[in-house]
Amino acid sequence: MTKKSRPRFVTKNQEVFQLGAAVLFLLLVGVYASLTGASTASLTSSAMWLLIVAAAVGAYMAMNIGANDVANNMGPSVGSGAMTMGWAIVVAAVFEALGAIVAGGDVVGTIKGGIIDANAIADPALFAWVMFAALLAGALWLNLATALGAPVSTTHSIIGAVMGAGIAAGGWGLVNWDTIGAIVISWVISPLMGGALAAAALYIIKRSVTYRSDKTEAASRVVPILISLMVWAYTTYMLLKGLSQLVKVGFLVALVAGAAVSLVVWWLIRKPIARMAMRQDNSKDGVNRLFTWPLICSAALLSFAHGANDVANAIGPLAAIYEAVKAGAVATKAGTPLWIMVLGALGLSVGLALYGARLIRTVGKEITELDNMRAYSIAMSATLTVIVASQMGMPVSTTHISIGAVFGVGFLRELLKVNYAKMEAVVFAGHQGTDRAEVEAYLHRFEAAEVKEKKRMLADMKRRTKAREAAEEGAVFAKKEQKALKKAYKKEIVKRSAVMRIVAAWIVTVPATAVLAAVLFYIVRAVLN
């Protein structure tokens, strides 16, 4: 990263430290892999070097997953102020590692989602180089995306890379194009579904709590229900996704178990939350404080589930390479030694600790302004969308869902702000000829009023305006002035430049990693020949 492009919060010394620590970690991984390979008598010299380099590249991939993908779990909590950046990194690093080691499973699929037909590659050495090229391509792409501040799907990165290396090794016929087509469709479905659910959740919170005149009283009733719903969703999610390698349960069982846990939690927290709510200010800030600990817990659980699931994107191809060089076999499912699981877990944590802050800041602060209620809506949307999509068999990306949820919350805010600007214009028009203090006092009452009262007040203002216009007195605001007012409210609540950068990165992820993997495979084959 050049000095010009270096963010303000990263100094030159910090960059040197980050690079040095990353290189040291990769060197230590390579040394350990060499010791492991030395204990396997059947390995040739070339196989030994392949294992060493592949282990380092696998660790590099895990680091990039930690630096890029974890932002989806921690970004909203940091952006809302529920957690500081330092604590977010510590919590995420611990729970990512725990998820990878405890619930990552002993067996990982090396061909993610059946992208290519491994049976068409008979030579184990050729298969190992296909996996190596895919692993390196996926890691390089994630590194570039992180440097550009674009949260992308790590799963799609490795999928595109496996596809490209597979085509280079065995032709276009190796690819399962139906699966690729489903992935392309998910680029649209994932963010739209995530955005719609997040916007709906936030609007429900606004109507049931923050649009009430007595916010603390409403919060004392509603917030325990919202937290119990979060518990229901997260318990179901953890049983279906986070602990899927340890516990196999069906959807209905997970749903009922989640409901049971949520009812217990609701019974335990309803009175304490109600007492806490009544001690808060009768304001949005007071309500926001009630969501702090649920957000912290949800971020930790999402990190655990992420470590359990997405560590396979780094160690899956590595496990295949290890199986190929050790047993001389092509494995679409490979038993994963403990050292490879630990390598993936450490890689996630190291990458997050060294480089995760940038993407966490992007997701949490650079797309749209978040508070605890908005972060809650994003977390609920991401969880519910993954649950629904998995039951429908849709190959969605958690990255696309989470970022889409952030977009949805931001665009809802824009819509509500513009709508409020229109209502303000009606109020001003109905107060023509009155002094500024009276108008501002009315606006203050209008803002504090509940939805039904707002509608009544607006209807009254419209009647007054029509009566004045009928008497040819004119309105306070001309159409030009009203448009200017709306435009002022529509200022970039959602930063369009960030949206365009992220969406562009999503679109090119699969083709970019495919081309890069194919090029790397051809280079490797040319060197070996």
Protein backbone atom coordinates (compact mmCIF):
# COMPACT_ATOMS: atom_id res chain seq x y z
CA MET A 1 0.00 0.00 0.00
CA THR A 2 1.47 3.34 -1.02
CA LYS A 3 1.69 6.31 1.27
CA LYS A 4 -0.95 8.11 -0.73
CA SER A 5 -3.49 5.31 -0.43
CA ARG A 6 -2.68 4.39 3.16
CA PRO A 7 -5.64 5.12 5.48
CA ARG A 8 -5.18 7.81 8.12
CA PHE A 9 -5.44 5.29 10.93
CA VAL A 10 -2.49 3.17 9.70
CA THR A 11 1.03 4.55 10.10
CA LYS A 12 4.11 3.44 8.21
CA ASN A 13 5.49 1.71 11.31
CA GLN A 14 2.22 -0.16 11.77
CA GLU A 15 2.34 -1.35 8.17
CA VAL A 16 5.89 -2.64 8.65
CA PHE A 17 4.87 -4.44 11.84
CA GLN A 18 1.80 -5.99 10.17
CA LEU A 19 3.82 -7.22 7.21
CA GLY A 20 6.61 -8.54 9.40
CA ALA A 21 4.21 -10.40 11.70
CA ALA A 22 2.36 -11.91 8.73
CA VAL A 23 5.60 -13.11 7.08
CA LEU A 24 6.86 -14.55 10.37
CA PHE A 25 3.60 -16.48 10.83
CA LEU A 26 3.82 -17.94 7.32
CA LEU A 27 7.47 -18.92 7.84
CA LEU A 28 6.59 -20.70 11.08
CA VAL A 29 3.80 -22.55 9.27
CA GLY A 30 6.25 -23.62 6.58
CA VAL A 31 8.74 -24.85 9.18
CA TYR A 32 6.07 -26.88 10.96
CA ALA A 33 4.86 -28.35 7.68
CA SER A 34 8.44 -29.41 6.86
CA LEU A 35 8.72 -31.18 10.21
CA THR A 36 5.39 -32.88 9.62
CA GLY A 37 6.44 -33.93 6.12
CA ALA A 38 9.76 -35.24 7.42
CA SER A 39 7.86 -37.64 9.68
CA THR A 40 6.19 -39.13 6.59
CA ALA A 41 8.76 -41.44 5.06
CA SER A 42 6.98 -41.88 1.73
CA LEU A 43 7.26 -38.23 0.67
CA THR A 44 9.63 -37.36 -2.16
CA SER A 45 11.62 -34.13 -2.17
CA SER A 46 9.22 -32.46 -4.62
CA ALA A 47 6.20 -33.63 -2.61
CA MET A 48 7.79 -32.26 0.55
CA TRP A 49 8.27 -28.83 -1.01
CA LEU A 50 4.69 -28.84 -2.35
CA LEU A 51 3.39 -29.58 1.15
CA ILE A 52 5.50 -26.80 2.71
CA VAL A 53 4.46 -24.18 0.18
CA ALA A 54 0.83 -25.33 0.20
CA ALA A 55 0.71 -25.08 3.99
CA ALA A 56 2.03 -21.51 3.83
CA VAL A 57 -0.49 -20.62 1.11
CA GLY A 58 -3.30 -22.25 3.12
CA ALA A 59 -2.31 -20.12 6.11
CA TYR A 60 -2.18 -17.07 3.83
CA MET A 61 -5.72 -17.87 2.62
CA ALA A 62 -6.95 -18.26 6.20
CA MET A 63 -5.39 -14.91 7.11
CA ASN A 64 -7.19 -13.21 4.25
CA ILE A 65 -10.50 -14.81 5.25
CA GLY A 66 -9.97 -13.43 8.75
CA ALA A 67 -9.07 -9.99 7.41
CA ASN A 68 -12.00 -9.74 4.99
CA ASP A 69 -14.93 -11.95 5.96
CA VAL A 70 -15.05 -11.42 9.72
CA ALA A 71 -16.00 -7.78 9.14
CA ASN A 72 -19.53 -8.94 8.30
CA ASN A 73 -19.97 -10.20 11.86
CA MET A 74 -18.20 -7.42 13.74
CA GLY A 75 -18.77 -4.36 11.53
CA PRO A 76 -22.34 -3.55 12.68
CA SER A 77 -21.46 -3.98 16.38
CA VAL A 78 -18.43 -1.69 16.05
CA GLY A 79 -20.23 0.83 13.84
CA SER A 80 -23.12 1.09 16.30
CA GLY A 81 -20.78 1.64 19.26
CA ALA A 82 -21.79 -1.57 21.03
CA MET A 83 -18.15 -2.70 20.93
CA THR A 84 -14.84 -0.94 20.52
CA MET A 85 -12.57 -1.98 17.67
CA GLY A 86 -10.07 -3.55 20.05
CA TRP A 87 -12.63 -5.68 21.86
CA ALA A 88 -14.26 -6.67 18.57
CA ILE A 89 -10.96 -8.03 17.26
CA VAL A 90 -10.27 -9.92 20.51
CA VAL A 91 -13.76 -11.45 20.68
CA ALA A 92 -13.80 -12.34 16.99
CA ALA A 93 -10.30 -13.86 17.07
CA VAL A 94 -11.17 -16.09 20.04
CA PHE A 95 -14.53 -17.26 18.74
CA GLU A 96 -13.34 -17.72 15.14
CA ALA A 97 -10.55 -19.99 16.41
CA LEU A 98 -12.92 -21.89 18.71
CA GLY A 99 -15.40 -22.40 15.90
CA ALA A 100 -12.72 -23.68 13.52
CA ILE A 101 -11.18 -26.11 16.02
CA VAL A 102 -14.21 -27.25 18.01
CA ALA A 103 -16.89 -27.30 15.32
CA GLY A 104 -14.91 -27.24 12.06
CA GLY A 105 -15.26 -30.99 11.68
CA ASP A 106 -12.79 -33.75 11.00
CA VAL A 107 -13.69 -33.97 7.31
CA VAL A 108 -14.01 -31.04 4.91
CA GLY A 109 -15.07 -31.04 1.30
CA THR A 110 -12.15 -30.12 -0.90
CA ILE A 111 -14.26 -29.35 -3.97
CA LYS A 112 -16.57 -26.68 -2.60
CA GLY A 113 -20.15 -27.25 -3.70
CA GLY A 114 -19.30 -29.77 -6.45
CA ILE A 115 -17.84 -27.08 -8.72
CA ILE A 116 -15.75 -29.50 -10.77
CA ASP A 117 -15.77 -33.25 -11.34
CA ALA A 118 -12.69 -34.47 -9.50
CA ASN A 119 -13.06 -37.95 -11.01
CA ALA A 120 -11.98 -36.48 -14.35
CA ILE A 121 -8.53 -35.74 -12.87
CA ALA A 122 -6.90 -39.14 -12.38
CA ASP A 123 -3.36 -37.99 -11.60
CA PRO A 124 -3.00 -37.13 -7.86
CA ALA A 125 -0.04 -34.81 -8.57
CA LEU A 126 -2.06 -32.88 -11.16
CA PHE A 127 -4.99 -32.66 -8.72
CA ALA A 128 -2.68 -31.32 -6.02
CA TRP A 129 -1.44 -28.56 -8.32
CA VAL A 130 -5.04 -27.69 -9.27
CA MET A 131 -5.86 -27.24 -5.58
CA PHE A 132 -2.64 -25.27 -5.01
CA ALA A 133 -3.39 -22.85 -7.86
CA ALA A 134 -6.97 -22.43 -6.59
CA LEU A 135 -5.83 -21.78 -3.04
CA LEU A 136 -3.24 -19.18 -4.07
CA ALA A 137 -5.63 -17.42 -6.47
CA GLY A 138 -8.37 -17.18 -3.85
CA ALA A 139 -5.94 -15.80 -1.29
CA LEU A 140 -4.49 -13.20 -3.67
CA TRP A 141 -7.95 -11.99 -4.66
CA LEU A 142 -9.05 -11.65 -1.03
CA ASN A 143 -5.84 -9.76 -0.27
CA LEU A 144 -6.57 -7.31 -3.10
CA ALA A 145 -10.21 -6.89 -2.05
CA THR A 146 -9.18 -6.18 1.54
CA ALA A 147 -6.64 -3.59 0.38
CA LEU A 148 -9.40 -1.92 -1.69
CA GLY A 149 -11.81 -1.94 1.26
CA ALA A 150 -14.29 -4.28 -0.45
CA PRO A 151 -15.91 -7.07 1.62
CA VAL A 152 -16.32 -10.02 -0.78
CA SER A 153 -17.47 -13.61 -0.46
CA THR A 154 -14.60 -15.90 0.52
CA THR A 155 -16.67 -18.89 -0.56
CA HIS A 156 -17.21 -17.42 -4.02
CA SER A 157 -13.49 -16.63 -4.19
CA ILE A 158 -12.47 -20.26 -3.70
CA ILE A 159 -15.32 -21.49 -5.91
CA GLY A 160 -14.17 -19.33 -8.82
CA ALA A 161 -10.55 -20.35 -8.24
CA VAL A 162 -11.34 -24.08 -8.21
CA MET A 163 -13.39 -23.63 -11.37
CA GLY A 164 -10.61 -21.78 -13.20
CA ALA A 165 -7.85 -24.19 -12.20
CA GLY A 166 -10.09 -27.14 -13.06
CA ILE A 167 -10.81 -25.76 -16.54
CA ALA A 168 -7.08 -25.18 -17.09
CA ALA A 169 -6.31 -28.76 -16.06
CA GLY A 170 -9.11 -30.67 -17.75
CA GLY A 171 -11.22 -28.40 -19.94
CA TRP A 172 -14.64 -26.80 -19.72
CA GLY A 173 -16.40 -30.14 -19.30
CA LEU A 174 -15.15 -30.47 -15.72
CA VAL A 175 -17.34 -27.63 -14.49
CA ASN A 176 -20.80 -28.09 -13.02
CA TRP A 177 -22.41 -25.16 -14.81
CA ASP A 178 -25.77 -25.56 -13.03
CA THR A 179 -24.02 -24.86 -9.74
CA ILE A 180 -22.25 -21.85 -11.22
CA GLY A 181 -25.57 -20.54 -12.53
CA ALA A 182 -27.13 -20.86 -9.09
CA ILE A 183 -24.24 -18.90 -7.62
CA VAL A 184 -24.71 -16.10 -10.15
CA ILE A 185 -28.40 -15.91 -9.25
CA SER A 186 -27.45 -15.69 -5.57
CA TRP A 187 -25.54 -12.47 -6.31
CA VAL A 188 -28.95 -10.83 -6.75
CA ILE A 189 -31.04 -12.83 -4.27
CA SER A 190 -28.67 -12.63 -1.27
CA PRO A 191 -28.34 -8.85 -0.89
CA LEU A 192 -31.97 -8.16 -1.83
CA MET A 193 -33.30 -10.65 0.70
CA GLY A 194 -30.91 -9.42 3.38
CA GLY A 195 -31.74 -5.79 2.67
CA ALA A 196 -35.50 -6.34 2.66
CA LEU A 197 -35.52 -8.24 5.96
CA ALA A 198 -33.22 -5.72 7.67
CA ALA A 199 -35.35 -2.78 6.51
CA ALA A 200 -38.52 -4.56 7.67
CA ALA A 201 -37.01 -5.34 11.09
CA LEU A 202 -35.87 -1.74 11.59
CA TYR A 203 -39.24 -0.35 10.54
CA ILE A 204 -41.02 -2.64 13.02
CA ILE A 205 -38.73 -1.37 15.79
CA LYS A 206 -39.42 2.22 14.80
CA ARG A 207 -43.20 1.77 14.72
CA SER A 208 -43.31 -0.19 17.99
CA VAL A 209 -40.74 1.78 20.02
CA THR A 210 -39.07 4.92 18.67
CA TYR A 211 -42.20 6.40 17.07
CA ARG A 212 -43.99 6.21 20.43
CA SER A 213 -44.27 9.26 22.64
CA ASP A 214 -43.29 7.17 25.71
CA LYS A 215 -40.30 5.30 24.30
CA THR A 216 -39.11 3.82 27.58
CA GLU A 217 -42.50 2.28 28.35
CA ALA A 218 -42.73 0.83 24.84
CA ALA A 219 -39.15 -0.46 25.08
CA SER A 220 -39.88 -2.18 28.41
CA ARG A 221 -42.53 -4.27 26.62
CA VAL A 222 -41.03 -4.71 23.16
CA VAL A 223 -37.26 -5.10 23.69
CA PRO A 224 -37.53 -8.38 25.68
CA ILE A 225 -39.59 -9.80 22.81
CA LEU A 226 -37.04 -8.59 20.24
CA ILE A 227 -34.16 -10.12 22.21
CA SER A 228 -36.01 -13.43 22.58
CA LEU A 229 -36.65 -13.47 18.83
CA MET A 230 -32.92 -12.95 18.31
CA VAL A 231 -32.23 -15.89 20.65
CA TRP A 232 -34.69 -18.02 18.66
CA ALA A 233 -33.03 -17.17 15.38
CA TYR A 234 -29.48 -17.63 16.69
CA THR A 235 -30.18 -20.93 18.45
CA THR A 236 -31.71 -22.29 15.27
CA TYR A 237 -28.81 -20.93 13.23
CA MET A 238 -26.18 -22.45 15.52
CA LEU A 239 -27.84 -25.87 15.46
CA LEU A 240 -28.17 -25.85 11.67
CA LYS A 241 -24.90 -24.15 10.72
CA GLY A 242 -22.52 -23.38 13.58
CA LEU A 243 -22.62 -26.85 15.18
CA SER A 244 -23.53 -28.84 12.08
CA GLN A 245 -20.27 -30.82 12.18
CA LEU A 246 -20.90 -31.87 15.80
CA VAL A 247 -24.68 -32.17 16.02
CA LYS A 248 -26.96 -33.29 13.20
CA VAL A 249 -30.51 -32.04 13.67
CA GLY A 250 -33.35 -31.39 11.28
CA PHE A 251 -34.87 -28.01 10.58
CA LEU A 252 -38.02 -28.57 12.66
CA VAL A 253 -36.02 -29.86 15.63
CA ALA A 254 -33.72 -26.83 15.45
CA LEU A 255 -36.72 -24.51 15.15
CA VAL A 256 -38.49 -26.03 18.18
CA ALA A 257 -35.28 -26.04 20.23
CA GLY A 258 -34.71 -22.39 19.33
CA ALA A 259 -38.28 -21.52 20.34
CA ALA A 260 -37.88 -23.29 23.68
CA VAL A 261 -34.63 -21.50 24.48
CA SER A 262 -36.10 -18.13 23.43
CA LEU A 263 -39.12 -18.58 25.73
CA VAL A 264 -36.84 -19.32 28.67
CA VAL A 265 -34.70 -16.28 27.87
CA TRP A 266 -37.78 -14.06 27.52
CA TRP A 267 -39.05 -15.20 30.94
CA LEU A 268 -35.67 -14.49 32.54
CA ILE A 269 -34.99 -11.08 30.97
CA ARG A 270 -38.42 -9.45 30.69
CA LYS A 271 -38.43 -7.89 34.18
CA PRO A 272 -34.73 -6.90 34.30
CA ILE A 273 -34.98 -5.34 30.82
CA ALA A 274 -38.18 -3.54 31.79
CA ARG A 275 -36.51 -2.10 34.89
CA MET A 276 -33.45 -1.11 32.85
CA ALA A 277 -35.66 0.51 30.20
CA MET A 278 -37.50 2.64 32.75
CA ARG A 279 -34.14 3.97 34.00
CA GLN A 280 -33.17 5.19 30.52
CA ASP A 281 -33.86 8.58 28.97
CA ASN A 282 -37.07 8.79 26.96
CA SER A 283 -35.06 8.94 23.75
CA LYS A 284 -33.60 6.82 20.95
CA ASP A 285 -30.25 6.78 22.74
CA GLY A 286 -31.91 5.33 25.81
CA VAL A 287 -33.52 2.56 23.77
CA ASN A 288 -30.27 1.87 21.92
CA ARG A 289 -28.46 1.08 25.16
CA LEU A 290 -30.79 -1.86 25.77
CA PHE A 291 -29.43 -3.67 22.69
CA THR A 292 -25.73 -3.50 23.61
CA TRP A 293 -25.19 -6.92 25.19
CA PRO A 294 -27.43 -8.81 22.74
CA LEU A 295 -25.32 -7.37 19.92
CA ILE A 296 -22.07 -8.43 21.58
CA CYS A 297 -23.37 -11.97 22.11
CA SER A 298 -24.68 -12.19 18.54
CA ALA A 299 -21.35 -11.05 17.11
CA ALA A 300 -19.52 -13.72 19.13
CA LEU A 301 -21.91 -16.46 17.99
CA LEU A 302 -21.67 -15.38 14.36
CA SER A 303 -17.87 -15.48 14.61
CA PHE A 304 -18.02 -19.00 16.06
CA ALA A 305 -20.31 -20.17 13.25
CA HIS A 306 -18.14 -18.42 10.65
CA GLY A 307 -14.99 -20.12 11.95
CA ALA A 308 -16.71 -23.50 11.90
CA ASN A 309 -17.94 -23.11 8.32
CA ASP A 310 -15.59 -20.89 6.35
CA VAL A 311 -12.31 -22.32 7.65
CA ALA A 312 -12.94 -25.05 5.07
CA ASN A 313 -12.31 -22.50 2.31
CA ALA A 314 -8.68 -22.39 3.42
CA ILE A 315 -7.99 -25.87 4.75
CA GLY A 316 -10.18 -27.84 2.32
CA PRO A 317 -7.80 -27.51 -0.64
CA LEU A 318 -4.83 -27.90 1.74
CA ALA A 319 -6.29 -31.14 3.10
CA ALA A 320 -6.68 -32.38 -0.48
CA ILE A 321 -3.06 -31.55 -1.26
CA TYR A 322 -1.90 -33.31 1.92
CA GLU A 323 -3.92 -36.40 0.99
CA ALA A 324 -2.55 -36.35 -2.56
CA VAL A 325 1.13 -36.10 -1.57
CA LYS A 326 0.80 -38.47 1.40
CA ALA A 327 -1.40 -41.26 0.01
CA GLY A 328 -1.20 -40.60 -3.73
CA ALA A 329 -4.99 -40.30 -3.98
CA VAL A 330 -7.49 -37.79 -5.33
CA ALA A 331 -9.87 -36.90 -2.49
CA THR A 332 -13.10 -34.96 -2.82
CA LYS A 333 -13.53 -35.54 0.92
CA ALA A 334 -10.37 -35.51 2.99
CA GLY A 335 -9.73 -36.41 6.61
CA THR A 336 -8.21 -33.30 8.13
CA PRO A 337 -5.33 -33.70 10.58
CA LEU A 338 -5.51 -31.63 13.73
CA TRP A 339 -2.49 -29.55 12.73
CA ILE A 340 -4.27 -28.37 9.58
CA MET A 341 -7.39 -27.44 11.60
CA VAL A 342 -5.24 -25.48 14.06
CA LEU A 343 -3.40 -23.83 11.15
CA GLY A 344 -6.72 -22.63 9.73
CA ALA A 345 -7.91 -21.38 13.12
CA LEU A 346 -4.68 -19.49 13.80
CA GLY A 347 -4.69 -18.05 10.29
CA LEU A 348 -8.20 -16.64 10.76
CA SER A 349 -7.22 -15.04 14.07
CA VAL A 350 -3.86 -13.66 12.86
CA GLY A 351 -5.38 -12.16 9.70
CA LEU A 352 -8.18 -10.58 11.69
CA ALA A 353 -5.82 -9.14 14.31
CA LEU A 354 -3.40 -7.69 11.74
CA TYR A 355 -5.69 -6.48 8.96
CA GLY A 356 -9.32 -6.90 10.04
CA ALA A 357 -9.82 -3.37 11.36
CA ARG A 358 -10.04 -1.83 7.88
CA LEU A 359 -12.96 -3.94 6.67
CA ILE A 360 -14.70 -3.81 10.04
CA ARG A 361 -14.59 -0.02 9.76
CA THR A 362 -15.85 -0.17 6.15
CA VAL A 363 -18.86 -2.33 7.01
CA GLY A 364 -19.64 -0.57 10.29
CA LYS A 365 -19.05 3.08 9.45
CA GLU A 366 -18.33 3.82 5.80
CA ILE A 367 -21.53 2.56 4.13
CA THR A 368 -24.11 4.18 6.40
CA GLU A 369 -24.35 5.39 10.00
CA LEU A 370 -25.40 2.63 12.39
CA ASP A 371 -26.80 2.55 15.90
CA ASN A 372 -27.68 -0.47 18.06
CA MET A 373 -31.21 -0.83 16.69
CA ARG A 374 -29.94 -0.78 13.11
CA ALA A 375 -27.18 -3.25 13.98
CA TYR A 376 -29.79 -5.52 15.60
CA SER A 377 -31.85 -5.41 12.41
CA ILE A 378 -28.79 -6.32 10.31
CA ALA A 379 -27.87 -9.24 12.59
CA MET A 380 -31.42 -10.61 12.57
CA SER A 381 -31.68 -10.25 8.80
CA ALA A 382 -28.40 -12.07 8.15
CA THR A 383 -29.36 -14.95 10.43
CA LEU A 384 -32.91 -15.35 9.14
CA THR A 385 -31.85 -15.11 5.51
CA VAL A 386 -29.22 -17.84 5.90
CA ILE A 387 -31.74 -20.10 7.66
CA VAL A 388 -34.45 -19.58 5.03
CA ALA A 389 -32.05 -19.83 2.08
CA SER A 390 -30.43 -23.02 3.38
CA GLN A 391 -33.84 -24.67 3.73
CA MET A 392 -34.73 -23.61 0.19
CA GLY A 393 -31.45 -24.96 -1.16
CA MET A 394 -30.21 -21.57 -2.37
CA PRO A 395 -26.39 -21.13 -2.42
CA VAL A 396 -26.35 -17.68 -0.80
CA SER A 397 -23.32 -15.78 0.46
CA THR A 398 -23.30 -14.58 4.07
CA THR A 399 -21.13 -11.65 2.94
CA HIS A 400 -23.69 -10.55 0.35
CA ILE A 401 -26.51 -10.98 2.87
CA SER A 402 -24.82 -8.95 5.60
CA ILE A 403 -23.75 -6.12 3.32
CA GLY A 404 -27.15 -6.15 1.64
CA ALA A 405 -28.69 -5.77 5.10
CA VAL A 406 -26.50 -2.72 5.75
CA PHE A 407 -27.65 -1.29 2.41
CA GLY A 408 -31.30 -2.03 3.29
CA VAL A 409 -31.06 -0.21 6.63
CA GLY A 410 -29.39 2.77 4.97
CA PHE A 411 -31.88 3.06 2.12
CA LEU A 412 -34.80 2.79 4.56
CA ARG A 413 -33.31 5.71 6.48
CA GLU A 414 -33.13 7.71 3.25
CA LEU A 415 -36.74 6.90 2.41
CA LEU A 416 -37.93 7.92 5.87
CA LYS A 417 -35.88 11.13 5.82
CA VAL A 418 -37.27 12.15 2.45
CA ASN A 419 -40.78 11.35 3.62
CA TYR A 420 -40.22 13.44 6.74
CA ALA A 421 -38.96 16.31 4.58
CA LYS A 422 -42.27 16.22 2.69
CA MET A 423 -44.19 16.30 5.94
CA GLU A 424 -42.12 19.26 7.16
CA ALA A 425 -42.95 21.09 3.95
CA VAL A 426 -46.64 20.56 4.68
CA VAL A 427 -46.18 21.91 8.22
CA PHE A 428 -44.36 25.03 6.99
CA ALA A 429 -46.97 25.59 4.30
CA GLY A 430 -49.73 25.42 6.92
CA HIS A 431 -47.95 27.98 9.10
CA GLN A 432 -47.58 30.78 6.58
CA GLY A 433 -47.48 34.14 8.27
CA THR A 434 -46.58 32.82 11.74
CA ASP A 435 -43.25 33.53 13.42
CA ARG A 436 -40.34 31.10 13.39
CA ALA A 437 -40.65 30.21 17.11
CA GLU A 438 -44.23 29.01 16.62
CA VAL A 439 -43.27 26.90 13.61
CA GLU A 440 -40.36 25.31 15.43
CA ALA A 441 -42.51 24.58 18.48
CA TYR A 442 -45.09 22.88 16.25
CA LEU A 443 -42.35 20.85 14.52
CA HIS A 444 -41.05 19.75 17.91
CA ARG A 445 -44.54 18.54 18.90
CA PHE A 446 -44.91 16.93 15.48
CA GLU A 447 -41.63 15.02 15.81
CA ALA A 448 -42.54 13.74 19.30
CA ALA A 449 -46.06 12.69 18.28
CA GLU A 450 -47.02 9.10 17.57
CA VAL A 451 -47.88 7.97 14.05
CA LYS A 452 -51.65 8.43 14.35
CA GLU A 453 -51.23 11.90 15.84
CA LYS A 454 -48.78 12.84 13.06
CA LYS A 455 -51.38 11.87 10.45
CA ARG A 456 -54.00 14.02 12.20
CA MET A 457 -51.63 17.00 12.42
CA LEU A 458 -50.69 16.65 8.73
CA ALA A 459 -54.33 16.49 7.68
CA ASP A 460 -54.96 19.69 9.66
CA MET A 461 -52.01 21.45 8.01
CA LYS A 462 -53.19 20.39 4.54
CA ARG A 463 -56.66 21.79 5.22
CA ARG A 464 -55.15 25.08 6.37
CA THR A 465 -52.91 25.24 3.30
CA LYS A 466 -55.77 24.54 0.90
CA ALA A 467 -57.90 27.19 2.58
CA ARG A 468 -55.11 29.75 2.24
CA GLU A 469 -54.49 28.84 -1.40
CA ALA A 470 -58.21 29.16 -2.09
CA ALA A 471 -58.01 32.68 -0.68
CA GLU A 472 -55.04 33.23 -3.05
CA GLU A 473 -52.66 33.83 -0.21
CA GLY A 474 -50.11 31.35 -1.58
CA ALA A 475 -47.93 28.78 0.16
CA VAL A 476 -44.85 29.40 2.26
CA PHE A 477 -42.71 27.11 0.09
CA ALA A 478 -42.64 27.16 -3.67
CA LYS A 479 -42.09 23.82 -5.44
CA LYS A 480 -38.46 24.72 -6.04
CA GLU A 481 -37.89 25.32 -2.31
CA GLN A 482 -39.64 22.07 -1.39
CA LYS A 483 -37.37 20.12 -3.76
CA ALA A 484 -34.33 21.75 -2.20
CA LEU A 485 -35.54 20.67 1.25
CA LYS A 486 -35.99 17.05 0.12
CA LYS A 487 -32.58 17.06 -1.51
CA ALA A 488 -30.98 18.26 1.70
CA TYR A 489 -32.51 15.32 3.59
CA LYS A 490 -31.51 12.88 0.87
CA LYS A 491 -27.80 13.58 1.28
CA GLU A 492 -25.77 10.41 1.10
CA ILE A 493 -27.12 8.49 4.06
CA VAL A 494 -25.93 5.48 2.04
CA LYS A 495 -22.60 6.31 0.43
CA ARG A 496 -23.02 5.50 -3.26
CA SER A 497 -19.28 5.27 -3.89
CA ALA A 498 -18.97 2.49 -1.28
CA VAL A 499 -21.99 0.67 -2.72
CA MET A 500 -20.63 0.75 -6.26
CA ARG A 501 -17.16 -0.39 -5.16
CA ILE A 502 -18.50 -3.33 -3.17
CA VAL A 503 -21.04 -4.47 -5.79
CA ALA A 504 -18.39 -4.29 -8.52
CA ALA A 505 -16.10 -6.48 -6.40
CA TRP A 506 -18.92 -9.00 -5.90
CA ILE A 507 -19.60 -9.25 -9.63
CA VAL A 508 -16.00 -9.85 -10.65
CA THR A 509 -15.03 -12.20 -7.79
CA VAL A 510 -15.78 -15.53 -9.50
CA PRO A 511 -14.44 -14.63 -12.97
CA ALA A 512 -11.40 -12.84 -11.50
CA THR A 513 -10.37 -15.75 -9.28
CA ALA A 514 -11.08 -18.22 -12.11
CA VAL A 515 -8.77 -16.40 -14.55
CA LEU A 516 -6.10 -15.92 -11.89
CA ALA A 517 -6.20 -19.61 -10.88
CA ALA A 518 -5.98 -20.73 -14.52
CA VAL A 519 -2.96 -18.48 -15.12
CA LEU A 520 -1.25 -19.75 -11.97
CA PHE A 521 -1.90 -23.36 -12.97
CA TYR A 522 -0.40 -22.82 -16.42
CA ILE A 523 2.65 -21.17 -14.83
CA VAL A 524 3.11 -24.08 -12.43
CA ARG A 525 2.75 -26.65 -15.19
CA ALA A 526 5.22 -24.78 -17.41
CA VAL A 527 7.78 -24.65 -14.59
CA LEU A 528 7.36 -28.32 -13.77
CA ASN A 529 7.65 -29.38 -17.39
